[in-house]
Amino acid sequence: MPRGKGRDEAGVWNFRNVPRDVIVKAKIEAAVQGKSVKALLMELVEAQWQELEKKGLLPKGKGS
């Protein structure tokens, strides 16, 4: 972790080689739900983490 950056501070992810159809489908689903692609992906990831926490495969995070 770079110096001066706290754990709670937002970071940046850049993904390469994402198939174009995945990008298009994510944009369509986000638009249908009236949210950003970022919000859609965060919801999907957080739902997956909750499932892993329930199964004991991931330590419980903040707010869990």
PDB file of N, CA and C in Angstrom:
ATOM      1  N   MET A   1       0.854  -1.173   0.000  1.00  0.00           N
ATOM      2  CA  MET A   1       0.000   0.000   0.000  1.00  0.00           C
ATOM      3  C   MET A   1       0.897   1.231   0.000  1.00  0.00           C
ATOM      4  N   PRO A   2       0.619   2.195  -0.889  1.00  0.00           N
ATOM      5  CA  PRO A   2       1.417   3.414  -0.927  1.00  0.00           C
ATOM      6  C   PRO A   2       1.315   4.182   0.379  1.00  0.00           C
ATOM      7  N   ARG A   3       2.412   4.844   0.714  1.00  0.00           N
ATOM      8  CA  ARG A   3       2.408   5.651   1.932  1.00  0.00           C
ATOM      9  C   ARG A   3       1.359   6.746   1.842  1.00  0.00           C
ATOM     10  N   GLY A   4       0.751   7.046   2.987  1.00  0.00           N
ATOM     11  CA  GLY A   4      -0.211   8.136   3.041  1.00  0.00           C
ATOM     12  C   GLY A   4      -1.620   7.752   2.618  1.00  0.00           C
ATOM     13  N   LYS A   5      -1.814   6.543   2.174  1.00  0.00           N
ATOM     14  CA  LYS A   5      -3.149   6.096   1.749  1.00  0.00           C
ATOM     15  C   LYS A   5      -3.746   5.223   2.842  1.00  0.00           C
ATOM     16  N   GLY A   6      -4.927   5.609   3.322  1.00  0.00           N
ATOM     17  CA  GLY A   6      -5.605   4.819   4.343  1.00  0.00           C
ATOM     18  C   GLY A   6      -6.395   3.691   3.712  1.00  0.00           C
ATOM     19  N   ARG A   7      -6.717   2.698   4.505  1.00  0.00           N
ATOM     20  CA  ARG A   7      -7.492   1.551   4.012  1.00  0.00           C
ATOM     21  C   ARG A   7      -8.871   1.948   3.534  1.00  0.00           C
ATOM     22  N   ASP A   8      -9.436   2.991   4.134  1.00  0.00           N
ATOM     23  CA  ASP A   8     -10.794   3.394   3.794  1.00  0.00           C
ATOM     24  C   ASP A   8     -10.850   4.343   2.605  1.00  0.00           C
ATOM     25  N   GLU A   9      -9.705   4.772   2.133  1.00  0.00           N
ATOM     26  CA  GLU A   9      -9.687   5.693   1.001  1.00  0.00           C
ATOM     27  C   GLU A   9      -9.944   4.917  -0.288  1.00  0.00           C
ATOM     28  N   ALA A  10     -10.714   5.507  -1.172  1.00  0.00           N
ATOM     29  CA  ALA A  10     -11.059   4.840  -2.436  1.00  0.00           C
ATOM     30  C   ALA A  10      -9.808   4.628  -3.283  1.00  0.00           C
ATOM     31  N   GLY A  11      -9.817   3.575  -4.048  1.00  0.00           N
ATOM     32  CA  GLY A  11      -8.729   3.264  -4.961  1.00  0.00           C
ATOM     33  C   GLY A  11      -9.245   3.216  -6.391  1.00  0.00           C
ATOM     34  N   VAL A  12      -8.362   2.856  -7.292  1.00  0.00           N
ATOM     35  CA  VAL A  12      -8.709   2.793  -8.715  1.00  0.00           C
ATOM     36  C   VAL A  12      -8.345   1.417  -9.244  1.00  0.00           C
ATOM     37  N   TRP A  13      -9.278   0.828  -9.986  1.00  0.00           N
ATOM     38  CA  TRP A  13      -9.022  -0.424 -10.693  1.00  0.00           C
ATOM     39  C   TRP A  13      -9.189  -0.162 -12.177  1.00  0.00           C
ATOM     40  N   ASN A  14      -8.278  -0.675 -12.961  1.00  0.00           N
ATOM     41  CA  ASN A  14      -8.398  -0.633 -14.423  1.00  0.00           C
ATOM     42  C   ASN A  14      -8.342  -2.075 -14.909  1.00  0.00           C
ATOM     43  N   PHE A  15      -9.336  -2.474 -15.660  1.00  0.00           N
ATOM     44  CA  PHE A  15      -9.389  -3.835 -16.175  1.00  0.00           C
ATOM     45  C   PHE A  15      -9.039  -3.828 -17.658  1.00  0.00           C
ATOM     46  N   ARG A  16      -8.251  -4.797 -18.067  1.00  0.00           N
ATOM     47  CA  ARG A  16      -7.894  -4.943 -19.478  1.00  0.00           C
ATOM     48  C   ARG A  16      -8.459  -6.257 -20.000  1.00  0.00           C
ATOM     49  N   ASN A  17      -8.602  -6.299 -21.292  1.00  0.00           N
ATOM     50  CA  ASN A  17      -9.022  -7.520 -21.982  1.00  0.00           C
ATOM     51  C   ASN A  17     -10.393  -8.023 -21.529  1.00  0.00           C
ATOM     52  N   VAL A  18     -11.283  -7.100 -21.216  1.00  0.00           N
ATOM     53  CA  VAL A  18     -12.662  -7.469 -20.888  1.00  0.00           C
ATOM     54  C   VAL A  18     -13.391  -7.627 -22.221  1.00  0.00           C
ATOM     55  N   PRO A  19     -14.013  -8.783 -22.446  1.00  0.00           N
ATOM     56  CA  PRO A  19     -14.716  -8.972 -23.715  1.00  0.00           C
ATOM     57  C   PRO A  19     -15.760  -7.877 -23.947  1.00  0.00           C
ATOM     58  N   ARG A  20     -15.844  -7.409 -25.168  1.00  0.00           N
ATOM     59  CA  ARG A  20     -16.740  -6.301 -25.514  1.00  0.00           C
ATOM     60  C   ARG A  20     -18.189  -6.619 -25.158  1.00  0.00           C
ATOM     61  N   ASP A  21     -18.618  -7.879 -25.358  1.00  0.00           N
ATOM     62  CA  ASP A  21     -20.007  -8.214 -25.037  1.00  0.00           C
ATOM     63  C   ASP A  21     -20.291  -8.104 -23.543  1.00  0.00           C
ATOM     64  N   VAL A  22     -19.292  -8.362 -22.703  1.00  0.00           N
ATOM     65  CA  VAL A  22     -19.464  -8.210 -21.258  1.00  0.00           C
ATOM     66  C   VAL A  22     -19.649  -6.731 -20.910  1.00  0.00           C
ATOM     67  N   ILE A  23     -18.871  -5.878 -21.550  1.00  0.00           N
ATOM     68  CA  ILE A  23     -18.977  -4.432 -21.325  1.00  0.00           C
ATOM     69  C   ILE A  23     -20.353  -3.935 -21.744  1.00  0.00           C
ATOM     70  N   VAL A  24     -20.796  -4.348 -22.914  1.00  0.00           N
ATOM     71  CA  VAL A  24     -22.096  -3.898 -23.435  1.00  0.00           C
ATOM     72  C   VAL A  24     -23.226  -4.377 -22.529  1.00  0.00           C
ATOM     73  N   LYS A  25     -23.188  -5.647 -22.123  1.00  0.00           N
ATOM     74  CA  LYS A  25     -24.243  -6.182 -21.260  1.00  0.00           C
ATOM     75  C   LYS A  25     -24.264  -5.481 -19.907  1.00  0.00           C
ATOM     76  N   ALA A  26     -23.103  -5.179 -19.353  1.00  0.00           N
ATOM     77  CA  ALA A  26     -23.047  -4.464 -18.073  1.00  0.00           C
ATOM     78  C   ALA A  26     -23.652  -3.072 -18.214  1.00  0.00           C
ATOM     79  N   LYS A  27     -23.347  -2.386 -19.310  1.00  0.00           N
ATOM     80  CA  LYS A  27     -23.909  -1.053 -19.537  1.00  0.00           C
ATOM     81  C   LYS A  27     -25.425  -1.117 -19.700  1.00  0.00           C
ATOM     82  N   ILE A  28     -25.903  -2.121 -20.415  1.00  0.00           N
ATOM     83  CA  ILE A  28     -27.345  -2.265 -20.615  1.00  0.00           C
ATOM     84  C   ILE A  28     -28.036  -2.555 -19.292  1.00  0.00           C
ATOM     85  N   GLU A  29     -27.512  -3.509 -18.526  1.00  0.00           N
ATOM     86  CA  GLU A  29     -28.135  -3.849 -17.245  1.00  0.00           C
ATOM     87  C   GLU A  29     -28.144  -2.643 -16.311  1.00  0.00           C
ATOM     88  N   ALA A  30     -27.046  -1.912 -16.249  1.00  0.00           N
ATOM     89  CA  ALA A  30     -26.994  -0.726 -15.392  1.00  0.00           C
ATOM     90  C   ALA A  30     -28.040   0.295 -15.829  1.00  0.00           C
ATOM     91  N   ALA A  31     -28.160   0.507 -17.123  1.00  0.00           N
ATOM     92  CA  ALA A  31     -29.137   1.475 -17.632  1.00  0.00           C
ATOM     93  C   ALA A  31     -30.563   1.044 -17.312  1.00  0.00           C
ATOM     94  N   VAL A  32     -30.854  -0.236 -17.484  1.00  0.00           N
ATOM     95  CA  VAL A  32     -32.196  -0.751 -17.194  1.00  0.00           C
ATOM     96  C   VAL A  32     -32.538  -0.540 -15.713  1.00  0.00           C
ATOM     97  N   GLN A  33     -31.534  -0.695 -14.851  1.00  0.00           N
ATOM     98  CA  GLN A  33     -31.750  -0.528 -13.412  1.00  0.00           C
ATOM     99  C   GLN A  33     -31.611   0.928 -12.969  1.00  0.00           C
ATOM    100  N   GLY A  34     -31.254   1.804 -13.882  1.00  0.00           N
ATOM    101  CA  GLY A  34     -31.139   3.218 -13.563  1.00  0.00           C
ATOM    102  C   GLY A  34     -29.962   3.550 -12.669  1.00  0.00           C
ATOM    103  N   LYS A  35     -28.850   2.853 -12.868  1.00  0.00           N
ATOM    104  CA  LYS A  35     -27.663   3.100 -12.050  1.00  0.00           C
ATOM    105  C   LYS A  35     -26.414   3.076 -12.917  1.00  0.00           C
ATOM    106  N   SER A  36     -25.315   3.447 -12.337  1.00  0.00           N
ATOM    107  CA  SER A  36     -24.044   3.439 -13.070  1.00  0.00           C
ATOM    108  C   SER A  36     -23.494   2.013 -13.129  1.00  0.00           C
ATOM    109  N   VAL A  37     -22.581   1.788 -14.054  1.00  0.00           N
ATOM    110  CA  VAL A  37     -21.913   0.482 -14.136  1.00  0.00           C
ATOM    111  C   VAL A  37     -21.144   0.237 -12.836  1.00  0.00           C
ATOM    112  N   LYS A  38     -20.525   1.276 -12.305  1.00  0.00           N
ATOM    113  CA  LYS A  38     -19.793   1.138 -11.042  1.00  0.00           C
ATOM    114  C   LYS A  38     -20.728   0.667  -9.933  1.00  0.00           C
ATOM    115  N   ALA A  39     -21.897   1.292  -9.801  1.00  0.00           N
ATOM    116  CA  ALA A  39     -22.856   0.901  -8.763  1.00  0.00           C
ATOM    117  C   ALA A  39     -23.319  -0.541  -8.964  1.00  0.00           C
ATOM    118  N   LEU A  40     -23.585  -0.915 -10.216  1.00  0.00           N
ATOM    119  CA  LEU A  40     -24.000  -2.282 -10.523  1.00  0.00           C
ATOM    120  C   LEU A  40     -22.919  -3.279 -10.095  1.00  0.00           C
ATOM    121  N   LEU A  41     -21.683  -3.027 -10.477  1.00  0.00           N
ATOM    122  CA  LEU A  41     -20.591  -3.945 -10.146  1.00  0.00           C
ATOM    123  C   LEU A  41     -20.344  -4.010  -8.643  1.00  0.00           C
ATOM    124  N   MET A  42     -20.440  -2.871  -7.957  1.00  0.00           N
ATOM    125  CA  MET A  42     -20.255  -2.872  -6.501  1.00  0.00           C
ATOM    126  C   MET A  42     -21.341  -3.709  -5.822  1.00  0.00           C
ATOM    127  N   GLU A  43     -22.583  -3.597  -6.292  1.00  0.00           N
ATOM    128  CA  GLU A  43     -23.673  -4.399  -5.718  1.00  0.00           C
ATOM    129  C   GLU A  43     -23.429  -5.883  -5.938  1.00  0.00           C
ATOM    130  N   LEU A  44     -22.986  -6.248  -7.136  1.00  0.00           N
ATOM    131  CA  LEU A  44     -22.725  -7.656  -7.436  1.00  0.00           C
ATOM    132  C   LEU A  44     -21.593  -8.208  -6.578  1.00  0.00           C
ATOM    133  N   VAL A  45     -20.528  -7.439  -6.442  1.00  0.00           N
ATOM    134  CA  VAL A  45     -19.377  -7.876  -5.641  1.00  0.00           C
ATOM    135  C   VAL A  45     -19.777  -7.996  -4.169  1.00  0.00           C
ATOM    136  N   GLU A  46     -20.493  -7.005  -3.654  1.00  0.00           N
ATOM    137  CA  GLU A  46     -20.889  -7.045  -2.252  1.00  0.00           C
ATOM    138  C   GLU A  46     -21.835  -8.205  -1.970  1.00  0.00           C
ATOM    139  N   ALA A  47     -22.715  -8.531  -2.900  1.00  0.00           N
ATOM    140  CA  ALA A  47     -23.610  -9.683  -2.734  1.00  0.00           C
ATOM    141  C   ALA A  47     -22.803 -10.978  -2.684  1.00  0.00           C
ATOM    142  N   GLN A  48     -21.803 -11.078  -3.529  1.00  0.00           N
ATOM    143  CA  GLN A  48     -20.945 -12.266  -3.534  1.00  0.00           C
ATOM    144  C   GLN A  48     -20.180 -12.384  -2.223  1.00  0.00           C
ATOM    145  N   TRP A  49     -19.661 -11.265  -1.719  1.00  0.00           N
ATOM    146  CA  TRP A  49     -18.942 -11.281  -0.444  1.00  0.00           C
ATOM    147  C   TRP A  49     -19.848 -11.731   0.692  1.00  0.00           C
ATOM    148  N   GLN A  50     -21.095 -11.278   0.690  1.00  0.00           N
ATOM    149  CA  GLN A  50     -22.036 -11.682   1.736  1.00  0.00           C
ATOM    150  C   GLN A  50     -22.252 -13.189   1.711  1.00  0.00           C
ATOM    151  N   GLU A  51     -22.359 -13.753   0.518  1.00  0.00           N
ATOM    152  CA  GLU A  51     -22.521 -15.205   0.396  1.00  0.00           C
ATOM    153  C   GLU A  51     -21.297 -15.933   0.936  1.00  0.00           C
ATOM    154  N   LEU A  52     -20.116 -15.447   0.603  1.00  0.00           N
ATOM    155  CA  LEU A  52     -18.879 -16.078   1.087  1.00  0.00           C
ATOM    156  C   LEU A  52     -18.738 -15.939   2.598  1.00  0.00           C
ATOM    157  N   GLU A  53     -19.178 -14.803   3.144  1.00  0.00           N
ATOM    158  CA  GLU A  53     -19.147 -14.612   4.598  1.00  0.00           C
ATOM    159  C   GLU A  53     -20.086 -15.605   5.279  1.00  0.00           C
ATOM    160  N   LYS A  54     -21.288 -15.806   4.724  1.00  0.00           N
ATOM    161  CA  LYS A  54     -22.258 -16.748   5.292  1.00  0.00           C
ATOM    162  C   LYS A  54     -21.687 -18.164   5.323  1.00  0.00           C
ATOM    163  N   LYS A  55     -20.914 -18.515   4.281  1.00  0.00           N
ATOM    164  CA  LYS A  55     -20.327 -19.854   4.188  1.00  0.00           C
ATOM    165  C   LYS A  55     -19.047 -19.975   4.998  1.00  0.00           C
ATOM    166  N   GLY A  56     -18.599 -18.865   5.596  1.00  0.00           N
ATOM    167  CA  GLY A  56     -17.373 -18.881   6.394  1.00  0.00           C
ATOM    168  C   GLY A  56     -16.107 -18.882   5.557  1.00  0.00           C
ATOM    169  N   LEU A  57     -16.223 -18.533   4.288  1.00  0.00           N
ATOM    170  CA  LEU A  57     -15.066 -18.549   3.392  1.00  0.00           C
ATOM    171  C   LEU A  57     -14.369 -17.193   3.302  1.00  0.00           C
ATOM    172  N   LEU A  58     -14.995 -16.170   3.879  1.00  0.00           N
ATOM    173  CA  LEU A  58     -14.441 -14.829   3.856  1.00  0.00           C
ATOM    174  C   LEU A  58     -14.691 -14.204   5.217  1.00  0.00           C
ATOM    175  N   PRO A  59     -13.670 -13.561   5.816  1.00  0.00           N
ATOM    176  CA  PRO A  59     -13.918 -12.935   7.117  1.00  0.00           C
ATOM    177  C   PRO A  59     -14.965 -11.841   7.001  1.00  0.00           C
ATOM    178  N   LYS A  60     -15.761 -11.695   8.055  1.00  0.00           N
ATOM    179  CA  LYS A  60     -16.802 -10.661   8.047  1.00  0.00           C
ATOM    180  C   LYS A  60     -16.157  -9.294   8.004  1.00  0.00           C
ATOM    181  N   GLY A  61     -16.713  -8.432   7.124  1.00  0.00           N
ATOM    182  CA  GLY A  61     -16.183  -7.088   6.973  1.00  0.00           C
ATOM    183  C   GLY A  61     -16.925  -6.097   7.838  1.00  0.00           C
ATOM    184  N   LYS A  62     -16.585  -4.831   7.639  1.00  0.00           N
ATOM    185  CA  LYS A  62     -17.258  -3.763   8.383  1.00  0.00           C
ATOM    186  C   LYS A  62     -18.733  -3.769   8.042  1.00  0.00           C
ATOM    187  N   GLY A  63     -19.550  -3.529   9.025  1.00  0.00           N
ATOM    188  CA  GLY A  63     -20.988  -3.418   8.805  1.00  0.00           C
ATOM    189  C   GLY A  63     -21.694  -4.750   8.615  1.00  0.00           C
ATOM    190  N   SER A  64     -20.970  -5.851   8.742  1.00  0.00           N
ATOM    191  CA  SER A  64     -21.601  -7.166   8.546  1.00  0.00           C
ATOM    192  C   SER A  64     -22.119  -7.720   9.842  1.00  0.00           C
TER     193      SER A  64
END
